[in-house]
């Protein structure tokens, strides 16, 4: 593929797409190609091995993206239960992303109280946040 591991990339968890360009460049077909090829040849691994959705998106969008202000994607909130950012910083952020294993809707997570402020209950009542433990 010729992509250096040092190449700047982005998180597939949060991105903005121009739908006209998406169609123009056949992005769906390209993503499906890489995902199907991976199921046959295991090019970038599976979800458990670090694969999943991130690698095909990084391949297809290599050198085809614009940068957003980092305040539009404050990430790593779900990588540990400990503090990483100041509350002031989080209050100034535009979008918070609990990527990683510690999600505020299902496990102990840092800043779950901030997530709670924006949680809108599911009108069908099928989804209910369930925290097994509280962080003190």
N, C-alpha and C. Protein backbone atom coordinates (compact mmCIF):
# COMPACT_ATOMS: atom_id res chain seq x y z
N UNK A 1 0.82 -1.20 0.00
CA UNK A 1 0.00 0.00 0.00
C UNK A 1 0.86 1.26 0.00
N UNK A 2 2.07 1.15 0.53
CA UNK A 2 2.96 2.29 0.53
C UNK A 2 2.58 3.39 1.50
N UNK A 3 1.87 3.07 2.56
CA UNK A 3 1.48 4.07 3.55
C UNK A 3 2.43 3.94 4.74
N UNK A 4 3.12 5.01 5.05
CA UNK A 4 4.05 5.00 6.17
C UNK A 4 3.28 4.96 7.49
N UNK A 5 3.76 4.18 8.47
CA UNK A 5 3.11 4.17 9.79
C UNK A 5 3.15 5.53 10.48
N UNK A 6 4.02 6.40 10.03
CA UNK A 6 4.14 7.74 10.61
C UNK A 6 3.18 8.75 9.97
N UNK A 7 2.44 8.32 8.96
CA UNK A 7 1.52 9.20 8.25
C UNK A 7 0.41 9.67 9.18
N UNK A 8 0.06 10.93 9.06
CA UNK A 8 -1.03 11.50 9.84
C UNK A 8 -2.33 10.80 9.44
N UNK A 9 -3.16 10.53 10.42
CA UNK A 9 -4.43 9.86 10.14
C UNK A 9 -5.53 10.50 10.96
N UNK A 10 -6.66 9.85 11.02
CA UNK A 10 -7.78 10.38 11.78
C UNK A 10 -8.55 9.24 12.39
N UNK A 11 -9.47 9.58 13.28
CA UNK A 11 -10.29 8.58 13.92
C UNK A 11 -11.59 8.40 13.14
N UNK A 12 -11.88 7.16 12.80
CA UNK A 12 -13.13 6.88 12.08
C UNK A 12 -14.34 7.03 12.99
N UNK A 13 -14.12 7.16 14.27
CA UNK A 13 -15.23 7.30 15.21
C UNK A 13 -16.01 8.58 15.03
N UNK A 14 -15.36 9.63 14.56
CA UNK A 14 -16.02 10.91 14.36
C UNK A 14 -15.42 11.55 13.12
N UNK A 15 -16.25 11.75 12.12
CA UNK A 15 -15.78 12.50 10.95
C UNK A 15 -16.97 13.09 10.23
N UNK A 16 -16.71 14.09 9.40
CA UNK A 16 -17.73 14.77 8.62
C UNK A 16 -17.45 14.45 7.16
N UNK A 17 -18.47 14.09 6.41
CA UNK A 17 -18.28 13.72 5.00
C UNK A 17 -19.11 14.60 4.08
N UNK A 18 -18.55 14.91 2.94
CA UNK A 18 -19.25 15.59 1.86
C UNK A 18 -19.87 14.47 1.02
N UNK A 19 -21.17 14.30 1.11
CA UNK A 19 -21.85 13.18 0.46
C UNK A 19 -21.67 13.20 -1.06
N UNK A 20 -21.64 14.38 -1.66
CA UNK A 20 -21.43 14.44 -3.12
C UNK A 20 -20.05 13.87 -3.49
N UNK A 21 -19.02 14.24 -2.72
CA UNK A 21 -17.68 13.71 -3.00
C UNK A 21 -17.61 12.22 -2.66
N UNK A 22 -18.31 11.82 -1.60
CA UNK A 22 -18.37 10.40 -1.22
C UNK A 22 -18.85 9.57 -2.42
N UNK A 23 -19.92 10.04 -3.05
CA UNK A 23 -20.47 9.34 -4.22
C UNK A 23 -19.53 9.46 -5.42
N UNK A 24 -19.00 10.67 -5.62
CA UNK A 24 -18.11 10.91 -6.76
C UNK A 24 -16.90 9.99 -6.75
N UNK A 25 -16.34 9.76 -5.57
CA UNK A 25 -15.14 8.93 -5.45
C UNK A 25 -15.45 7.47 -5.11
N UNK A 26 -16.72 7.09 -5.17
CA UNK A 26 -17.14 5.70 -4.90
C UNK A 26 -16.59 5.17 -3.59
N UNK A 27 -16.72 5.95 -2.56
CA UNK A 27 -16.13 5.60 -1.26
C UNK A 27 -16.73 4.30 -0.72
N UNK A 28 -18.04 4.13 -0.82
CA UNK A 28 -18.66 2.91 -0.29
C UNK A 28 -18.06 1.67 -0.95
N UNK A 29 -17.95 1.69 -2.27
CA UNK A 29 -17.38 0.55 -2.99
C UNK A 29 -15.94 0.28 -2.55
N UNK A 30 -15.17 1.35 -2.37
CA UNK A 30 -13.77 1.18 -1.96
C UNK A 30 -13.67 0.61 -0.54
N UNK A 31 -14.51 1.08 0.35
CA UNK A 31 -14.51 0.54 1.72
C UNK A 31 -14.90 -0.93 1.71
N UNK A 32 -15.95 -1.25 0.97
CA UNK A 32 -16.40 -2.64 0.89
C UNK A 32 -15.32 -3.54 0.28
N UNK A 33 -14.58 -3.03 -0.70
CA UNK A 33 -13.49 -3.80 -1.30
C UNK A 33 -12.46 -4.18 -0.25
N UNK A 34 -12.01 -3.21 0.54
CA UNK A 34 -10.98 -3.48 1.56
C UNK A 34 -11.50 -4.40 2.65
N UNK A 35 -12.76 -4.21 3.05
CA UNK A 35 -13.32 -5.09 4.09
C UNK A 35 -13.45 -6.52 3.58
N UNK A 36 -13.91 -6.67 2.35
CA UNK A 36 -14.05 -8.02 1.79
C UNK A 36 -12.68 -8.67 1.60
N UNK A 37 -11.71 -7.91 1.09
CA UNK A 37 -10.36 -8.43 0.90
C UNK A 37 -9.77 -8.88 2.24
N UNK A 38 -10.04 -8.11 3.27
CA UNK A 38 -9.52 -8.46 4.60
C UNK A 38 -10.12 -9.77 5.12
N UNK A 39 -11.39 -10.03 4.81
CA UNK A 39 -11.99 -11.29 5.26
C UNK A 39 -11.34 -12.49 4.57
N UNK A 40 -10.82 -12.27 3.36
CA UNK A 40 -10.17 -13.36 2.61
C UNK A 40 -8.69 -13.50 2.93
N UNK A 41 -8.01 -12.35 3.12
CA UNK A 41 -6.55 -12.38 3.26
C UNK A 41 -6.03 -11.87 4.59
N UNK A 42 -6.91 -11.42 5.47
CA UNK A 42 -6.52 -10.91 6.79
C UNK A 42 -5.37 -9.89 6.70
N UNK A 43 -5.59 -8.86 5.93
CA UNK A 43 -4.57 -7.84 5.69
C UNK A 43 -4.30 -7.00 6.94
N UNK A 44 -5.34 -6.58 7.61
CA UNK A 44 -5.17 -5.70 8.76
C UNK A 44 -5.79 -6.24 10.04
N UNK A 45 -6.20 -7.48 10.07
CA UNK A 45 -6.72 -8.10 11.29
C UNK A 45 -8.20 -7.90 11.48
N UNK A 46 -8.70 -8.52 12.54
CA UNK A 46 -10.12 -8.39 12.86
C UNK A 46 -10.30 -7.41 14.01
N UNK A 47 -11.52 -7.25 14.46
CA UNK A 47 -11.81 -6.30 15.54
C UNK A 47 -10.98 -6.59 16.79
N UNK A 48 -10.85 -7.86 17.15
CA UNK A 48 -10.09 -8.22 18.34
C UNK A 48 -8.60 -7.94 18.18
N UNK A 49 -8.11 -7.99 16.95
CA UNK A 49 -6.69 -7.79 16.70
C UNK A 49 -6.33 -6.38 16.28
N UNK A 50 -7.23 -5.43 16.48
CA UNK A 50 -6.95 -4.04 16.12
C UNK A 50 -7.47 -3.65 14.75
N UNK A 51 -8.20 -4.55 14.11
CA UNK A 51 -8.76 -4.26 12.78
C UNK A 51 -10.04 -3.48 12.90
N UNK A 52 -11.12 -4.05 12.44
CA UNK A 52 -12.42 -3.38 12.53
C UNK A 52 -12.58 -2.31 11.47
N UNK A 53 -13.26 -1.24 11.81
CA UNK A 53 -13.60 -0.20 10.84
C UNK A 53 -12.47 0.78 10.57
N UNK A 54 -11.58 0.97 11.49
CA UNK A 54 -10.55 2.01 11.33
C UNK A 54 -9.60 1.76 10.14
N UNK A 55 -9.01 0.57 9.97
CA UNK A 55 -8.05 0.38 8.87
C UNK A 55 -8.61 0.65 7.47
N UNK A 56 -9.78 0.10 7.08
CA UNK A 56 -10.22 0.39 5.71
C UNK A 56 -10.50 1.88 5.49
N UNK A 57 -11.01 2.55 6.49
CA UNK A 57 -11.27 3.99 6.34
C UNK A 57 -9.96 4.75 6.21
N UNK A 58 -8.95 4.36 6.98
CA UNK A 58 -7.65 5.04 6.87
C UNK A 58 -7.02 4.79 5.49
N UNK A 59 -7.20 3.60 4.95
CA UNK A 59 -6.65 3.28 3.62
C UNK A 59 -7.36 4.10 2.55
N UNK A 60 -8.68 4.08 2.56
CA UNK A 60 -9.45 4.76 1.52
C UNK A 60 -9.28 6.28 1.59
N UNK A 61 -9.17 6.83 2.79
CA UNK A 61 -9.06 8.28 2.92
C UNK A 61 -7.62 8.78 3.03
N UNK A 62 -6.66 7.91 2.78
CA UNK A 62 -5.25 8.33 2.82
C UNK A 62 -5.04 9.53 1.90
N UNK A 63 -4.56 10.62 2.47
CA UNK A 63 -4.32 11.88 1.74
C UNK A 63 -5.58 12.47 1.09
N UNK A 64 -6.75 12.13 1.60
CA UNK A 64 -8.01 12.65 1.07
C UNK A 64 -8.89 13.20 2.18
N UNK A 65 -8.36 14.01 3.03
CA UNK A 65 -9.19 14.58 4.10
C UNK A 65 -8.68 15.96 4.47
N UNK A 66 -9.53 16.71 5.13
CA UNK A 66 -9.18 18.01 5.67
C UNK A 66 -9.19 17.90 7.18
N UNK A 67 -8.36 18.67 7.80
CA UNK A 67 -8.28 18.63 9.27
C UNK A 67 -9.35 19.52 9.90
N UNK A 68 -9.91 19.02 10.98
CA UNK A 68 -10.84 19.81 11.79
C UNK A 68 -10.08 20.32 13.01
N UNK A 69 -10.57 21.38 13.57
CA UNK A 69 -10.01 21.86 14.82
C UNK A 69 -10.12 20.73 15.85
N UNK A 70 -9.05 20.41 16.59
CA UNK A 70 -9.09 19.29 17.55
C UNK A 70 -10.18 19.41 18.62
N UNK A 71 -10.69 20.61 18.83
CA UNK A 71 -11.76 20.77 19.81
C UNK A 71 -13.07 20.16 19.32
N UNK A 72 -13.12 19.79 18.03
CA UNK A 72 -14.28 19.12 17.48
C UNK A 72 -14.20 17.62 17.64
N UNK A 73 -13.12 17.13 18.27
CA UNK A 73 -13.02 15.70 18.53
C UNK A 73 -12.03 15.46 19.66
N UNK A 74 -12.50 15.66 20.87
CA UNK A 74 -11.69 15.37 22.06
C UNK A 74 -11.91 13.90 22.37
N UNK A 75 -10.85 13.11 22.18
CA UNK A 75 -11.00 11.66 22.26
C UNK A 75 -10.20 11.08 23.42
N UNK A 76 -10.21 9.78 23.48
CA UNK A 76 -9.51 8.99 24.50
C UNK A 76 -10.18 9.06 25.86
N UNK A 77 -11.43 9.51 25.92
CA UNK A 77 -12.12 9.56 27.21
C UNK A 77 -12.47 8.17 27.71
N UNK A 78 -12.47 7.17 26.84
CA UNK A 78 -12.83 5.82 27.25
C UNK A 78 -11.65 4.87 27.40
N UNK A 79 -10.43 5.39 27.42
CA UNK A 79 -9.27 4.49 27.51
C UNK A 79 -8.93 4.12 28.94
N UNK A 80 -9.33 4.93 29.89
CA UNK A 80 -9.07 4.59 31.30
C UNK A 80 -10.14 5.25 32.15
N UNK A 81 -10.18 4.85 33.41
CA UNK A 81 -11.15 5.47 34.31
C UNK A 81 -10.58 6.71 34.98
N UNK A 82 -9.31 7.00 34.76
CA UNK A 82 -8.67 8.16 35.38
C UNK A 82 -8.77 9.41 34.54
N UNK A 83 -8.51 10.54 35.16
CA UNK A 83 -8.58 11.83 34.48
C UNK A 83 -7.43 12.02 33.50
N UNK A 84 -7.76 12.59 32.36
CA UNK A 84 -6.75 12.90 31.36
C UNK A 84 -6.82 14.38 31.00
N UNK A 85 -8.00 14.95 31.06
CA UNK A 85 -8.21 16.34 30.68
C UNK A 85 -8.80 17.11 31.87
N UNK A 86 -8.57 18.41 31.86
CA UNK A 86 -9.18 19.24 32.91
C UNK A 86 -10.65 19.47 32.56
N UNK A 87 -11.45 19.71 33.57
CA UNK A 87 -12.87 19.99 33.34
C UNK A 87 -13.04 21.25 32.50
N UNK A 88 -12.20 22.24 32.71
CA UNK A 88 -12.26 23.48 31.92
C UNK A 88 -12.06 23.18 30.43
N UNK A 89 -11.08 22.35 30.13
CA UNK A 89 -10.82 21.97 28.74
C UNK A 89 -12.04 21.27 28.14
N UNK A 90 -12.62 20.34 28.88
CA UNK A 90 -13.77 19.60 28.38
C UNK A 90 -14.99 20.50 28.18
N UNK A 91 -15.14 21.50 29.04
CA UNK A 91 -16.26 22.43 28.88
C UNK A 91 -16.11 23.26 27.62
N UNK A 92 -14.88 23.49 27.17
CA UNK A 92 -14.62 24.28 25.97
C UNK A 92 -14.68 23.43 24.69
N UNK A 93 -14.66 22.11 24.83
CA UNK A 93 -14.68 21.22 23.67
C UNK A 93 -16.04 21.26 22.97
N UNK A 94 -16.03 20.97 21.69
CA UNK A 94 -17.26 20.91 20.91
C UNK A 94 -17.85 19.51 20.86
N UNK A 95 -16.99 18.48 20.92
CA UNK A 95 -17.45 17.10 20.83
C UNK A 95 -16.55 16.21 21.67
N UNK A 96 -17.13 15.40 22.52
CA UNK A 96 -16.38 14.48 23.38
C UNK A 96 -16.60 13.06 22.88
N UNK A 97 -15.51 12.28 22.80
CA UNK A 97 -15.59 10.93 22.25
C UNK A 97 -15.03 9.93 23.27
N UNK A 98 -15.89 9.07 23.78
CA UNK A 98 -15.48 8.02 24.70
C UNK A 98 -15.08 6.78 23.90
N UNK A 99 -14.00 6.90 23.11
CA UNK A 99 -13.50 5.71 22.41
C UNK A 99 -12.72 4.88 23.42
N UNK A 100 -12.63 3.59 23.20
CA UNK A 100 -11.99 2.71 24.17
C UNK A 100 -13.05 1.92 24.92
N UNK A 101 -12.62 1.20 25.93
CA UNK A 101 -13.50 0.27 26.61
C UNK A 101 -14.34 0.83 27.74
N UNK A 102 -14.07 2.03 28.19
CA UNK A 102 -14.79 2.59 29.33
C UNK A 102 -15.83 3.60 28.86
N UNK A 103 -17.02 3.09 28.53
CA UNK A 103 -18.11 3.92 28.03
C UNK A 103 -19.01 4.34 29.18
N UNK A 104 -19.42 5.59 29.24
CA UNK A 104 -20.24 6.05 30.37
C UNK A 104 -21.62 5.42 30.44
N UNK A 105 -22.08 4.82 29.39
CA UNK A 105 -23.41 4.20 29.40
C UNK A 105 -23.37 2.73 29.79
N UNK A 106 -22.19 2.15 29.97
CA UNK A 106 -22.17 0.73 30.28
C UNK A 106 -21.10 0.29 31.26
N UNK A 107 -20.24 1.19 31.69
CA UNK A 107 -19.16 0.80 32.60
C UNK A 107 -18.64 2.03 33.31
N UNK A 108 -17.77 1.83 34.27
CA UNK A 108 -17.17 3.01 34.90
C UNK A 108 -16.41 3.81 33.84
N UNK A 109 -16.58 5.11 33.83
CA UNK A 109 -15.91 5.95 32.84
C UNK A 109 -15.62 7.31 33.43
N UNK A 110 -14.54 7.88 32.98
CA UNK A 110 -14.24 9.23 33.43
C UNK A 110 -15.24 10.21 32.83
N UNK A 111 -15.59 11.20 33.58
CA UNK A 111 -16.49 12.27 33.15
C UNK A 111 -17.87 11.77 32.74
N UNK A 112 -18.34 10.69 33.33
CA UNK A 112 -19.68 10.20 32.98
C UNK A 112 -20.73 11.22 33.40
N UNK A 113 -20.44 12.04 34.38
CA UNK A 113 -21.39 13.08 34.77
C UNK A 113 -21.61 14.10 33.65
N UNK A 114 -20.58 14.36 32.86
CA UNK A 114 -20.74 15.26 31.72
C UNK A 114 -21.61 14.59 30.66
N UNK A 115 -21.34 13.31 30.38
CA UNK A 115 -22.16 12.56 29.42
C UNK A 115 -23.62 12.56 29.86
N UNK A 116 -23.86 12.37 31.14
CA UNK A 116 -25.22 12.33 31.68
C UNK A 116 -25.99 13.62 31.37
N UNK A 117 -25.29 14.75 31.34
CA UNK A 117 -25.95 16.03 31.07
C UNK A 117 -26.59 16.06 29.67
N UNK A 118 -26.02 15.32 28.75
CA UNK A 118 -26.47 15.36 27.37
C UNK A 118 -27.24 14.12 26.93
N UNK A 119 -27.35 13.16 27.82
CA UNK A 119 -28.06 11.92 27.49
C UNK A 119 -29.54 12.20 27.29
N UNK A 120 -30.06 11.76 26.16
CA UNK A 120 -31.49 11.88 25.87
C UNK A 120 -32.05 10.47 25.90
N UNK A 121 -32.99 10.18 26.78
CA UNK A 121 -33.53 8.82 26.87
C UNK A 121 -34.11 8.33 25.54
N UNK A 122 -33.93 7.08 25.29
CA UNK A 122 -34.45 6.43 24.09
C UNK A 122 -35.97 6.43 24.17
N UNK A 123 -36.66 7.04 23.18
CA UNK A 123 -38.13 7.10 23.24
C UNK A 123 -38.79 5.72 23.21
N UNK A 124 -38.09 4.71 22.67
CA UNK A 124 -38.67 3.36 22.63
C UNK A 124 -38.42 2.62 23.94
N UNK A 125 -37.59 3.18 24.78
CA UNK A 125 -37.21 2.60 26.08
C UNK A 125 -36.48 1.27 25.94
N UNK A 126 -35.89 1.01 24.77
CA UNK A 126 -35.13 -0.22 24.57
C UNK A 126 -33.69 -0.08 25.06
N UNK A 127 -33.14 1.14 25.00
CA UNK A 127 -31.76 1.37 25.44
C UNK A 127 -31.79 2.10 26.78
N UNK A 128 -31.14 1.51 27.76
CA UNK A 128 -31.02 2.14 29.07
C UNK A 128 -29.58 2.02 29.52
N UNK A 129 -28.96 3.14 29.90
CA UNK A 129 -27.58 3.05 30.39
C UNK A 129 -27.53 2.16 31.63
N UNK A 130 -26.51 1.31 31.68
CA UNK A 130 -26.35 0.41 32.82
C UNK A 130 -24.90 0.46 33.28
N UNK A 131 -24.67 1.09 34.40
CA UNK A 131 -23.32 1.12 34.95
C UNK A 131 -23.24 0.11 36.08
N UNK A 132 -22.30 -0.79 35.94
CA UNK A 132 -22.16 -1.85 36.93
C UNK A 132 -21.49 -1.36 38.21
N UNK A 133 -20.62 -0.37 38.06
CA UNK A 133 -19.88 0.14 39.22
C UNK A 133 -19.80 1.66 39.12
N UNK A 134 -19.64 2.29 40.25
CA UNK A 134 -19.46 3.72 40.26
C UNK A 134 -18.00 4.05 40.55
N UNK A 135 -17.53 5.13 39.97
CA UNK A 135 -16.18 5.60 40.28
C UNK A 135 -16.30 6.63 41.39
N UNK A 136 -15.47 6.52 42.38
CA UNK A 136 -15.50 7.48 43.48
C UNK A 136 -14.40 8.49 43.34
